[in-house]
């Protein structure tokens, strides 16, 4: 378990209490919400690290759940998360120019491409995904993602856990 004083797992360099924790705590009230697709994606990664699966479900657009449940998320084995690398992030306004000009409630869209590195059963891998997000009813929601294959870092590349060490001297060594 992480304390609020520790660095946030999302990789923002902020303390958890100043970063993803307010989003996690206020998911029901909407008092604090993610303002961009990247902020939502980072908070969802952090929720996976902390096994806060309730947050994952509540920030997943209901039309895209495809049978995802709290029970299925709680079923292990669960990976040990190593680090998050955001490669790109973008946001697009509503497609309808009338909607954009008159503030008609048409969803906006965004996407975030990232690698979320983890170990599971002695193997290192990553979720390499281009995630899609929808802004609806005043909030961003994850909808779906395009999965890609991640290439394992080279021995002399920076470690995926952001320790500042070379991969061979850090996470590769622990396998």
N, C-alpha and C. Protein backbone atom coordinates (compact mmCIF):
# COMPACT_ATOMS: atom_id res chain seq x y z
N UNK A 1 0.84 -1.19 0.00
CA UNK A 1 0.00 0.00 0.00
C UNK A 1 0.88 1.25 0.00
N UNK A 2 0.45 2.24 -0.65
CA UNK A 2 1.20 3.48 -0.77
C UNK A 2 0.66 4.50 0.23
N UNK A 3 1.54 5.29 0.78
CA UNK A 3 1.09 6.39 1.64
C UNK A 3 0.93 7.63 0.79
N UNK A 4 0.17 8.57 1.30
CA UNK A 4 -0.07 9.79 0.53
C UNK A 4 1.18 10.63 0.36
N UNK A 5 2.19 10.39 1.20
CA UNK A 5 3.44 11.16 1.13
C UNK A 5 4.40 10.62 0.07
N UNK A 6 4.19 9.39 -0.40
CA UNK A 6 5.09 8.80 -1.38
C UNK A 6 4.84 9.36 -2.77
N UNK A 7 5.82 9.18 -3.65
CA UNK A 7 5.66 9.59 -5.04
C UNK A 7 4.52 8.82 -5.68
N UNK A 8 3.80 9.48 -6.54
CA UNK A 8 2.67 8.85 -7.20
C UNK A 8 3.18 7.81 -8.20
N UNK A 9 2.58 6.63 -8.21
CA UNK A 9 2.98 5.58 -9.16
C UNK A 9 2.83 5.98 -10.64
N UNK A 10 2.04 7.01 -10.91
CA UNK A 10 1.79 7.38 -12.31
C UNK A 10 3.00 8.00 -12.98
N UNK A 11 4.04 8.31 -12.20
CA UNK A 11 5.27 8.86 -12.79
C UNK A 11 5.28 10.36 -12.95
N UNK A 12 4.37 11.06 -12.33
CA UNK A 12 4.28 12.52 -12.48
C UNK A 12 5.33 13.29 -11.70
N UNK A 13 6.02 12.65 -10.79
CA UNK A 13 6.99 13.27 -9.88
C UNK A 13 6.32 14.04 -8.74
N UNK A 14 5.00 13.96 -8.65
CA UNK A 14 4.27 14.57 -7.54
C UNK A 14 4.02 13.52 -6.46
N UNK A 15 3.69 13.99 -5.26
CA UNK A 15 3.28 13.07 -4.21
C UNK A 15 1.90 12.52 -4.56
N UNK A 16 1.65 11.29 -4.16
CA UNK A 16 0.36 10.65 -4.45
C UNK A 16 -0.79 11.53 -3.96
N UNK A 17 -0.66 12.13 -2.78
CA UNK A 17 -1.75 12.94 -2.23
C UNK A 17 -2.04 14.18 -3.07
N UNK A 18 -1.06 14.63 -3.85
CA UNK A 18 -1.24 15.81 -4.69
C UNK A 18 -1.49 15.46 -6.15
N UNK A 19 -1.57 14.19 -6.45
CA UNK A 19 -1.68 13.77 -7.84
C UNK A 19 -2.95 12.93 -8.05
N UNK A 20 -2.82 11.62 -8.01
CA UNK A 20 -3.95 10.74 -8.32
C UNK A 20 -4.89 10.48 -7.15
N UNK A 21 -4.42 10.62 -5.93
CA UNK A 21 -5.27 10.35 -4.77
C UNK A 21 -6.57 11.15 -4.78
N UNK A 22 -6.56 12.47 -5.04
CA UNK A 22 -7.83 13.20 -5.06
C UNK A 22 -8.80 12.67 -6.12
N UNK A 23 -8.29 12.23 -7.26
CA UNK A 23 -9.15 11.65 -8.30
C UNK A 23 -9.76 10.35 -7.80
N UNK A 24 -8.95 9.53 -7.14
CA UNK A 24 -9.43 8.25 -6.62
C UNK A 24 -10.49 8.46 -5.54
N UNK A 25 -10.25 9.41 -4.64
CA UNK A 25 -11.17 9.65 -3.52
C UNK A 25 -12.50 10.22 -3.98
N UNK A 26 -12.47 11.11 -4.97
CA UNK A 26 -13.67 11.84 -5.38
C UNK A 26 -14.32 11.30 -6.66
N UNK A 27 -14.05 10.06 -7.01
CA UNK A 27 -14.60 9.51 -8.24
C UNK A 27 -16.13 9.51 -8.23
N UNK A 28 -16.74 9.28 -7.08
CA UNK A 28 -18.20 9.27 -7.01
C UNK A 28 -18.81 10.66 -7.02
N UNK A 29 -18.20 11.59 -6.27
CA UNK A 29 -18.77 12.93 -6.14
C UNK A 29 -18.50 13.80 -7.36
N UNK A 30 -17.42 13.53 -8.07
CA UNK A 30 -17.04 14.38 -9.19
C UNK A 30 -16.45 15.70 -8.75
N UNK A 31 -16.18 15.82 -7.46
CA UNK A 31 -15.60 17.05 -6.91
C UNK A 31 -14.22 17.33 -7.51
N UNK A 32 -13.46 16.26 -7.77
CA UNK A 32 -12.16 16.36 -8.43
C UNK A 32 -12.20 15.37 -9.60
N UNK A 33 -11.96 15.87 -10.82
CA UNK A 33 -12.00 15.00 -12.00
C UNK A 33 -10.74 15.21 -12.84
N UNK A 34 -10.45 14.23 -13.68
CA UNK A 34 -9.35 14.36 -14.62
C UNK A 34 -9.73 15.37 -15.69
N UNK A 35 -8.83 16.30 -15.99
CA UNK A 35 -9.12 17.35 -16.96
C UNK A 35 -8.65 17.01 -18.37
N UNK A 36 -7.84 15.97 -18.50
CA UNK A 36 -7.34 15.57 -19.82
C UNK A 36 -7.34 14.05 -19.92
N UNK A 37 -7.30 13.51 -21.13
CA UNK A 37 -7.19 12.06 -21.28
C UNK A 37 -5.92 11.52 -20.61
N UNK A 38 -4.81 12.25 -20.72
CA UNK A 38 -3.58 11.77 -20.10
C UNK A 38 -3.70 11.71 -18.58
N UNK A 39 -4.31 12.70 -17.98
CA UNK A 39 -4.48 12.68 -16.52
C UNK A 39 -5.35 11.50 -16.11
N UNK A 40 -6.40 11.21 -16.87
CA UNK A 40 -7.24 10.06 -16.54
C UNK A 40 -6.46 8.76 -16.73
N UNK A 41 -5.70 8.66 -17.81
CA UNK A 41 -4.93 7.44 -18.05
C UNK A 41 -3.92 7.22 -16.93
N UNK A 42 -3.22 8.27 -16.52
CA UNK A 42 -2.26 8.13 -15.43
C UNK A 42 -2.95 7.71 -14.13
N UNK A 43 -4.11 8.27 -13.85
CA UNK A 43 -4.83 7.91 -12.63
C UNK A 43 -5.34 6.47 -12.69
N UNK A 44 -5.68 6.00 -13.88
CA UNK A 44 -6.11 4.60 -14.04
C UNK A 44 -4.92 3.66 -13.86
N UNK A 45 -3.76 4.02 -14.41
CA UNK A 45 -2.56 3.21 -14.18
C UNK A 45 -2.29 3.12 -12.68
N UNK A 46 -2.33 4.25 -12.01
CA UNK A 46 -2.10 4.29 -10.56
C UNK A 46 -3.12 3.40 -9.85
N UNK A 47 -4.37 3.43 -10.28
CA UNK A 47 -5.40 2.58 -9.67
C UNK A 47 -5.09 1.10 -9.89
N UNK A 48 -4.56 0.75 -11.05
CA UNK A 48 -4.15 -0.65 -11.27
C UNK A 48 -3.01 -1.02 -10.31
N UNK A 49 -2.04 -0.14 -10.14
CA UNK A 49 -0.93 -0.40 -9.23
C UNK A 49 -1.46 -0.65 -7.82
N UNK A 50 -2.43 0.15 -7.41
CA UNK A 50 -2.98 0.07 -6.05
C UNK A 50 -4.13 -0.92 -5.91
N UNK A 51 -4.48 -1.58 -7.02
CA UNK A 51 -5.60 -2.52 -7.07
C UNK A 51 -6.92 -1.85 -6.66
N UNK A 52 -7.07 -0.59 -7.06
CA UNK A 52 -8.30 0.17 -6.83
C UNK A 52 -9.21 -0.06 -8.04
N UNK A 53 -9.75 -1.27 -8.12
CA UNK A 53 -10.50 -1.67 -9.31
C UNK A 53 -11.86 -0.99 -9.41
N UNK A 54 -12.38 -0.52 -8.31
CA UNK A 54 -13.63 0.25 -8.34
C UNK A 54 -13.43 1.51 -9.19
N UNK A 55 -12.28 2.18 -9.03
CA UNK A 55 -11.97 3.37 -9.82
C UNK A 55 -11.86 3.02 -11.30
N UNK A 56 -11.24 1.89 -11.58
CA UNK A 56 -11.10 1.45 -12.98
C UNK A 56 -12.47 1.33 -13.63
N UNK A 57 -13.40 0.68 -12.95
CA UNK A 57 -14.75 0.50 -13.51
C UNK A 57 -15.49 1.83 -13.66
N UNK A 58 -15.36 2.70 -12.69
CA UNK A 58 -16.10 3.97 -12.71
C UNK A 58 -15.55 4.96 -13.73
N UNK A 59 -14.35 4.75 -14.20
CA UNK A 59 -13.77 5.63 -15.23
C UNK A 59 -13.72 4.96 -16.60
N UNK A 60 -14.35 3.82 -16.71
CA UNK A 60 -14.46 3.08 -17.97
C UNK A 60 -15.85 3.37 -18.54
N UNK A 61 -15.93 3.83 -19.77
CA UNK A 61 -17.23 4.17 -20.35
C UNK A 61 -18.11 2.92 -20.35
N UNK A 62 -19.35 3.03 -19.83
CA UNK A 62 -20.22 1.86 -19.68
C UNK A 62 -20.52 1.13 -20.99
N UNK A 63 -20.50 1.83 -22.11
CA UNK A 63 -20.78 1.18 -23.39
C UNK A 63 -19.62 0.32 -23.89
N UNK A 64 -18.48 0.40 -23.22
CA UNK A 64 -17.29 -0.32 -23.66
C UNK A 64 -16.79 -1.32 -22.61
N UNK A 65 -17.59 -1.65 -21.62
CA UNK A 65 -17.15 -2.56 -20.57
C UNK A 65 -16.93 -3.98 -21.07
N UNK A 66 -17.72 -4.42 -22.05
CA UNK A 66 -17.56 -5.76 -22.63
C UNK A 66 -17.43 -6.86 -21.57
N UNK A 67 -18.29 -6.79 -20.55
CA UNK A 67 -18.30 -7.83 -19.52
C UNK A 67 -17.30 -7.63 -18.40
N UNK A 68 -16.53 -6.55 -18.42
CA UNK A 68 -15.56 -6.28 -17.36
C UNK A 68 -16.30 -6.03 -16.05
N UNK A 69 -15.90 -6.74 -15.00
CA UNK A 69 -16.55 -6.61 -13.70
C UNK A 69 -15.50 -6.47 -12.60
N UNK A 70 -15.96 -6.09 -11.43
CA UNK A 70 -15.09 -6.02 -10.27
C UNK A 70 -14.51 -7.40 -9.96
N UNK A 71 -15.32 -8.42 -10.10
CA UNK A 71 -14.85 -9.79 -9.84
C UNK A 71 -13.75 -10.19 -10.82
N UNK A 72 -13.92 -9.86 -12.09
CA UNK A 72 -12.88 -10.24 -13.07
C UNK A 72 -11.59 -9.46 -12.83
N UNK A 73 -11.70 -8.20 -12.42
CA UNK A 73 -10.50 -7.42 -12.13
C UNK A 73 -9.78 -7.93 -10.88
N UNK A 74 -10.54 -8.41 -9.92
CA UNK A 74 -9.96 -8.92 -8.67
C UNK A 74 -9.31 -10.29 -8.83
N UNK A 75 -9.63 -10.98 -9.91
CA UNK A 75 -9.06 -12.31 -10.14
C UNK A 75 -7.59 -12.18 -10.54
N UNK A 76 -6.73 -12.85 -9.81
CA UNK A 76 -5.30 -12.82 -10.08
C UNK A 76 -4.89 -13.88 -11.06
N UNK A 77 -3.60 -14.03 -11.28
CA UNK A 77 -2.54 -13.29 -10.59
C UNK A 77 -2.44 -11.86 -11.11
N UNK A 78 -2.01 -10.97 -10.23
CA UNK A 78 -1.85 -9.57 -10.58
C UNK A 78 -0.37 -9.27 -10.83
N UNK A 79 -0.09 -8.45 -11.81
CA UNK A 79 1.32 -8.11 -12.09
C UNK A 79 1.91 -7.20 -11.03
N UNK A 80 3.22 -7.17 -10.99
CA UNK A 80 3.95 -6.17 -10.20
C UNK A 80 4.32 -5.08 -11.19
N UNK A 81 3.72 -3.91 -11.02
CA UNK A 81 3.92 -2.81 -11.95
C UNK A 81 5.26 -2.15 -11.72
N UNK A 82 5.99 -1.88 -12.80
CA UNK A 82 7.34 -1.31 -12.73
C UNK A 82 7.38 0.17 -13.07
N UNK A 83 6.62 0.59 -14.06
CA UNK A 83 6.69 1.99 -14.46
C UNK A 83 5.82 2.27 -15.67
N UNK A 84 5.50 3.53 -15.81
CA UNK A 84 4.65 4.01 -16.90
C UNK A 84 5.45 4.96 -17.77
N UNK A 85 5.33 4.79 -19.06
CA UNK A 85 5.96 5.67 -20.04
C UNK A 85 4.90 6.18 -20.99
N UNK A 86 4.58 7.46 -20.91
CA UNK A 86 3.60 8.07 -21.82
C UNK A 86 4.35 8.52 -23.06
N UNK A 87 3.96 8.01 -24.20
CA UNK A 87 4.63 8.32 -25.47
C UNK A 87 3.99 9.49 -26.20
N UNK A 88 2.66 9.59 -26.14
CA UNK A 88 1.96 10.71 -26.76
C UNK A 88 0.57 10.84 -26.16
N UNK A 89 0.03 12.04 -26.30
CA UNK A 89 -1.29 12.33 -25.77
C UNK A 89 -1.91 13.42 -26.62
N UNK A 90 -3.19 13.27 -26.96
CA UNK A 90 -3.86 14.31 -27.73
C UNK A 90 -5.34 14.35 -27.38
N UNK A 91 -5.94 15.47 -27.72
CA UNK A 91 -7.35 15.70 -27.43
C UNK A 91 -7.96 16.40 -28.63
N UNK A 92 -9.14 15.95 -29.05
CA UNK A 92 -9.81 16.56 -30.20
C UNK A 92 -11.15 17.13 -29.75
N UNK A 93 -11.51 18.31 -30.25
CA UNK A 93 -12.81 18.88 -29.91
C UNK A 93 -13.93 18.09 -30.58
N UNK A 94 -15.15 18.43 -30.25
CA UNK A 94 -16.31 17.81 -30.88
C UNK A 94 -16.18 17.95 -32.40
N UNK A 95 -16.63 16.93 -33.13
CA UNK A 95 -16.52 16.94 -34.59
C UNK A 95 -17.49 17.91 -35.24
N UNK A 96 -18.59 18.18 -34.61
CA UNK A 96 -19.63 19.03 -35.16
C UNK A 96 -19.29 20.48 -34.83
N UNK A 97 -19.06 21.31 -35.84
CA UNK A 97 -18.66 22.69 -35.58
C UNK A 97 -19.76 23.46 -34.87
N UNK A 98 -21.03 23.14 -35.15
CA UNK A 98 -22.14 23.79 -34.45
C UNK A 98 -22.09 23.44 -32.97
N UNK A 99 -21.78 22.18 -32.67
CA UNK A 99 -21.68 21.75 -31.27
C UNK A 99 -20.54 22.48 -30.57
N UNK A 100 -19.41 22.63 -31.26
CA UNK A 100 -18.26 23.29 -30.67
C UNK A 100 -18.56 24.77 -30.41
N UNK A 101 -19.27 25.41 -31.35
CA UNK A 101 -19.57 26.84 -31.22
C UNK A 101 -20.67 27.12 -30.20
N UNK A 102 -21.62 26.22 -30.06
CA UNK A 102 -22.77 26.49 -29.20
C UNK A 102 -22.74 25.68 -27.91
N UNK A 103 -21.64 25.02 -27.63
CA UNK A 103 -21.49 24.23 -26.41
C UNK A 103 -22.57 23.16 -26.28
N UNK A 104 -22.99 22.59 -27.42
CA UNK A 104 -23.92 21.47 -27.39
C UNK A 104 -23.17 20.27 -26.86
N UNK A 105 -23.84 19.46 -26.09
CA UNK A 105 -23.19 18.33 -25.40
C UNK A 105 -22.86 17.19 -26.38
N UNK A 106 -21.85 17.40 -27.21
CA UNK A 106 -21.36 16.34 -28.07
C UNK A 106 -20.01 15.90 -27.53
N UNK A 107 -19.77 14.60 -27.45
CA UNK A 107 -18.52 14.13 -26.84
C UNK A 107 -17.27 14.59 -27.58
N UNK A 108 -16.25 14.88 -26.80
CA UNK A 108 -14.91 15.10 -27.34
C UNK A 108 -14.18 13.78 -27.24
N UNK A 109 -13.09 13.67 -27.96
CA UNK A 109 -12.31 12.44 -27.97
C UNK A 109 -10.86 12.75 -27.70
N UNK A 110 -10.16 11.78 -27.16
CA UNK A 110 -8.73 11.92 -26.95
C UNK A 110 -8.06 10.56 -27.00
N UNK A 111 -6.76 10.57 -27.07
CA UNK A 111 -6.03 9.31 -27.01
C UNK A 111 -4.69 9.51 -26.33
N UNK A 112 -4.21 8.42 -25.77
CA UNK A 112 -2.92 8.40 -25.09
C UNK A 112 -2.22 7.10 -25.49
N UNK A 113 -1.00 7.22 -25.96
CA UNK A 113 -0.19 6.04 -26.26
C UNK A 113 0.83 5.90 -25.14
N UNK A 114 0.93 4.69 -24.60
CA UNK A 114 1.79 4.48 -23.43
C UNK A 114 2.31 3.05 -23.39
N UNK A 115 3.32 2.87 -22.54
CA UNK A 115 3.81 1.55 -22.17
C UNK A 115 3.75 1.46 -20.65
N UNK A 116 3.07 0.46 -20.15
CA UNK A 116 3.00 0.20 -18.71
C UNK A 116 3.75 -1.10 -18.45
N UNK A 117 4.96 -0.99 -17.91
CA UNK A 117 5.85 -2.13 -17.72
C UNK A 117 5.51 -2.86 -16.42
N UNK A 118 5.62 -4.19 -16.47
CA UNK A 118 5.30 -5.01 -15.30
C UNK A 118 6.07 -6.33 -15.35
N UNK A 119 6.11 -7.01 -14.20
CA UNK A 119 6.59 -8.39 -14.16
C UNK A 119 5.43 -9.26 -13.70
N UNK A 120 5.41 -10.46 -14.23
CA UNK A 120 4.39 -11.45 -13.86
C UNK A 120 5.00 -12.83 -14.08
N UNK A 121 4.99 -13.60 -13.02
CA UNK A 121 5.51 -14.98 -13.07
C UNK A 121 6.92 -15.04 -13.65
N UNK A 122 7.77 -14.11 -13.20
CA UNK A 122 9.18 -14.13 -13.59
C UNK A 122 9.50 -13.56 -14.95
N UNK A 123 8.53 -12.99 -15.62
CA UNK A 123 8.72 -12.41 -16.95
C UNK A 123 8.44 -10.91 -16.91
N UNK A 124 9.18 -10.16 -17.71
CA UNK A 124 8.91 -8.73 -17.83
C UNK A 124 8.22 -8.49 -19.16
N UNK A 125 7.22 -7.60 -19.13
CA UNK A 125 6.47 -7.28 -20.34
C UNK A 125 5.84 -5.90 -20.14
N UNK A 126 5.12 -5.45 -21.15
CA UNK A 126 4.45 -4.16 -21.07
C UNK A 126 3.10 -4.22 -21.75
N UNK A 127 2.19 -3.45 -21.23
CA UNK A 127 0.98 -3.14 -21.97
C UNK A 127 1.36 -1.93 -22.81
N UNK A 128 1.39 -2.12 -24.10
CA UNK A 128 1.73 -1.06 -25.05
C UNK A 128 0.44 -0.78 -25.80
N UNK A 129 -0.13 0.38 -25.56
CA UNK A 129 -1.49 0.62 -26.04
C UNK A 129 -1.68 2.05 -26.48
N UNK A 130 -2.54 2.21 -27.47
CA UNK A 130 -3.07 3.52 -27.84
C UNK A 130 -4.50 3.53 -27.32
N UNK A 131 -4.70 4.15 -26.16
CA UNK A 131 -6.00 4.18 -25.50
C UNK A 131 -6.85 5.31 -26.06
N UNK A 132 -8.14 5.05 -26.17
CA UNK A 132 -9.08 6.07 -26.63
C UNK A 132 -9.97 6.49 -25.46
N UNK A 133 -10.27 7.78 -25.42
CA UNK A 133 -11.06 8.36 -24.35
C UNK A 133 -12.20 9.19 -24.92
N UNK A 134 -13.30 9.24 -24.18
CA UNK A 134 -14.47 10.02 -24.56
C UNK A 134 -14.79 10.97 -23.42
N UNK A 135 -15.04 12.24 -23.76
CA UNK A 135 -15.48 13.22 -22.77
C UNK A 135 -16.99 13.32 -22.87
N UNK A 136 -17.66 12.96 -21.79
CA UNK A 136 -19.12 12.93 -21.80
C UNK A 136 -19.63 13.27 -20.41
N UNK A 137 -20.71 13.97 -20.36
CA UNK A 137 -21.33 14.39 -19.09
C UNK A 137 -20.32 15.01 -18.13
N UNK A 138 -19.43 15.83 -18.68
CA UNK A 138 -18.48 16.58 -17.86
C UNK A 138 -17.28 15.80 -17.36
N UNK A 139 -17.05 14.58 -17.90
CA UNK A 139 -15.93 13.75 -17.45
C UNK A 139 -15.30 13.00 -18.62
N UNK A 140 -14.02 12.67 -18.44
CA UNK A 140 -13.34 11.79 -19.38
C UNK A 140 -13.55 10.34 -18.96
N UNK A 141 -13.73 9.47 -19.96
CA UNK A 141 -13.87 8.03 -19.72
C UNK A 141 -12.96 7.28 -20.69
N UNK A 142 -12.37 6.19 -20.21
CA UNK A 142 -11.64 5.28 -21.09
C UNK A 142 -12.69 4.52 -21.90
N UNK A 143 -12.45 4.31 -23.19
CA UNK A 143 -13.39 3.53 -23.99
C UNK A 143 -12.77 2.23 -24.49
N UNK A 144 -11.68 2.32 -25.21
CA UNK A 144 -11.04 1.12 -25.74
C UNK A 144 -9.60 1.43 -26.10
N UNK A 145 -8.86 0.39 -26.46
CA UNK A 145 -7.47 0.61 -26.80
C UNK A 145 -6.99 -0.35 -27.86
N UNK A 146 -6.02 0.10 -28.61
CA UNK A 146 -5.36 -0.73 -29.61
C UNK A 146 -4.07 -1.25 -28.98
N UNK A 147 -3.99 -2.56 -28.82
CA UNK A 147 -2.82 -3.20 -28.21
C UNK A 147 -1.72 -3.36 -29.26
N UNK A 148 -0.48 -3.09 -28.82
CA UNK A 148 0.68 -3.26 -29.69
C UNK A 148 1.70 -4.10 -28.94
N UNK A 149 2.72 -4.55 -29.63
CA UNK A 149 3.76 -5.36 -29.01
C UNK A 149 4.93 -4.49 -28.60
N UNK A 150 5.28 -4.56 -27.33
CA UNK A 150 6.40 -3.76 -26.81
C UNK A 150 7.71 -4.52 -26.99
N UNK A 151 8.74 -3.80 -27.34
CA UNK A 151 10.07 -4.37 -27.44
C UNK A 151 10.76 -4.20 -26.09
N UNK A 152 11.34 -5.26 -25.59
CA UNK A 152 12.07 -5.21 -24.33
C UNK A 152 13.24 -4.25 -24.46
N UNK A 153 13.50 -3.43 -23.44
CA UNK A 153 14.64 -2.50 -23.53
C UNK A 153 15.96 -3.25 -23.67
N UNK A 154 16.93 -2.60 -24.28
CA UNK A 154 18.27 -3.16 -24.36
C UNK A 154 18.95 -3.11 -22.99
N UNK A 155 19.95 -3.91 -22.81
CA UNK A 155 20.64 -3.99 -21.51
C UNK A 155 21.15 -2.64 -21.02
N UNK A 156 21.60 -1.79 -21.93
CA UNK A 156 22.17 -0.50 -21.56
C UNK A 156 21.17 0.66 -21.62
N UNK A 157 19.92 0.36 -21.95
CA UNK A 157 18.87 1.39 -21.97
C UNK A 157 18.49 1.77 -20.54
N UNK A 158 17.92 2.95 -20.36
CA UNK A 158 17.42 3.32 -19.02
C UNK A 158 16.36 2.31 -18.57
N UNK A 159 16.34 2.04 -17.27
CA UNK A 159 15.40 1.05 -16.75
C UNK A 159 13.96 1.56 -16.87
N UNK A 160 13.05 0.64 -17.09
CA UNK A 160 11.63 0.96 -17.26
C UNK A 160 10.98 1.45 -15.97
N UNK A 161 11.63 1.24 -14.84
CA UNK A 161 11.07 1.67 -13.55
C UNK A 161 11.46 3.10 -13.20
N UNK A 162 12.23 3.74 -14.06
CA UNK A 162 12.65 5.14 -13.89
C UNK A 162 13.58 5.34 -12.70
N UNK A 163 14.36 4.32 -12.38
CA UNK A 163 15.30 4.41 -11.26
C UNK A 163 16.52 5.26 -11.58
N UNK A 164 16.76 5.49 -12.87
CA UNK A 164 17.95 6.20 -13.29
C UNK A 164 19.11 5.27 -13.61
N UNK A 165 18.93 3.98 -13.33
CA UNK A 165 19.96 2.99 -13.62
C UNK A 165 19.73 2.40 -15.00
N UNK A 166 20.75 1.70 -15.50
CA UNK A 166 20.59 0.95 -16.74
C UNK A 166 19.69 -0.25 -16.46
N UNK A 167 18.98 -0.68 -17.49
CA UNK A 167 18.06 -1.81 -17.38
C UNK A 167 18.75 -3.05 -16.83
N UNK A 168 20.00 -3.32 -17.29
CA UNK A 168 20.72 -4.52 -16.86
C UNK A 168 21.10 -4.44 -15.38
N UNK A 169 21.22 -3.24 -14.82
CA UNK A 169 21.62 -3.07 -13.43
C UNK A 169 20.42 -2.95 -12.49
N UNK A 170 19.22 -3.05 -13.04
CA UNK A 170 18.02 -2.80 -12.23
C UNK A 170 17.00 -3.94 -12.41
N UNK A 171 15.94 -3.67 -13.15
CA UNK A 171 14.83 -4.62 -13.26
C UNK A 171 15.23 -5.93 -13.96
N UNK A 172 16.11 -5.87 -14.94
CA UNK A 172 16.56 -7.09 -15.61
C UNK A 172 17.28 -8.00 -14.62
N UNK A 173 18.03 -7.41 -13.72
CA UNK A 173 18.79 -8.14 -12.70
C UNK A 173 17.87 -8.89 -11.74
N UNK A 174 16.69 -8.34 -11.49
CA UNK A 174 15.78 -8.94 -10.50
C UNK A 174 14.96 -10.10 -11.06
N UNK A 175 15.09 -10.39 -12.33
CA UNK A 175 14.32 -11.50 -12.93
C UNK A 175 14.99 -12.83 -12.70
